[in-house]
Each structure stands twice: as C-alpha cells, then as structure tokens.
C-alpha cells in the first residue's frame, strides 16, 4: 500500500553514469518519468563511473529542490548502481567518502526536513528493458561522447585523483621493471612475470614467511646451491689471496 501511494503521487527520476577512458568526458544523466524532460552532464574525464552515478543522483535531488514549488509529490530515484545508492544511504562519514554522495545525503535531509518531501532511493537492474533506465543509459553515453566538452567547474573527487595516481605509479613501475629485466632478473621475468596481475601470488594463501621467501628465491633463481655456492667460494678465495698479498707487503 505504501509503494502504491508513493508511485501514484511521486516524481520518478531515472539516473545513470557512464565512464569510458577513450572518451573526453565522463557522462551523467537523469530522466524524469512520463515527462519530456531529461538532462545530461559531461564531467571531467578523470571522474569515475561511481562519481558519475552519485553526481547524477545529486543533480536529480538539486532539481527537485529548485522545482519544489511546482512539484507536489514525493520523490523516487531509480538507479542501477548499488554502490552509489549504498554510499548515499550509509550514515558512515569519513575522509574517503565521495563528496557527491555526502552532498546527496544533505539534499535528502533538506527535502525531507525542510520541504516535507519523502525521498526513496531504489535499485533497478540495468539493461532489462526498463524504458526510463534505458533512456538514462543512452543519454549518459552521449554525455561522454568524443565531441562533448567536459564541465571543468565540476571537481574531480579525491578518491578519483588517488585512483589516477595509483594507475600512474603502477604503469611507471611496470616500465621500470621491463627496462631492468634486460640485465637482471631475466629468469623470473621470462618464466613468471605477468604485468596484468596486481597482487602477489601468495595474497590468497595463509603461508609462513619462510615458505614465501623460499618460493620467491626459487622463482627468482636466487638460491645457495651449485653455481651460487661456487660463486661465493671463488669470492672468498680471491679475498683471502688479497689479504695474504697485503700481509707480505
């Protein structure tokens, strides 16, 4: 009964976000159900898909506040991004929380406390033929198109900047490893190295440090057997000969 009452007298808004590294911008969109009203926003390309989804929800809430006098019903926001909905609904506040999610929470509070609106966030599955969701998805993709100019007044979140920095560090490290492999660690690089794997081989096993160290030594062809021991003995002999020669002098 509650849902029927909400649905009959509510503003239903579909939101979506889209991020393609090949495009000039990250896209966000919102579509008002049963109305010929829709919006698309082009965010800076370094904004993540999550930020775009949260930004679209925030934009929908801002629109409802601006048009509160002409819209009497409650507000239902439909999104196919569970993580964005969860972040907005979550009461936890910390420095890592996306700013768009935090601002969306403030807008919900303002709508409910100051303007007597009920706001309901609803998750819907994507690409299952829901007309509003499909329209929002298409519009978000248009907003990130190759010809779209991003709005640089929209700030890139700290989390997105940190993710960008991690990517830069990762690729710089891989380039350094490939250069070094030409003259050291060639056995490991030829047999075991995989630049697509971002976690060490032992990340999912509960192993003692000794075992991990042993396997790493074997994988890197670094061990105290055969040639390695002979090399150490030769080094000791040369050192002793030099000591004797100095003693005679």
Foldseek 3Di string as FASTA:
>chain_A
DVVVVQVVQEWEKEKAWAADLVFQFTKIKIDTPPDPDIDMATAGNLADRLLRRLQNLLVVLVVCVVCVVVRPGAYEYEYQDPVLVCLLPDPDDDPLRWPSSVSSVVSCCCCCPVVVHHYHYHHDHPPPPPVNNVVNVVRRDVSRHRPHDHDPVDDHTPNSVVVVVVVVVLVVVVVVVVVVCVPALVQLCVPPDDSVDDDDPCPPPDDDPVVVVVVVCVSSVHDCDDPNVVVVVVVVVVVVVVVVVVVVD
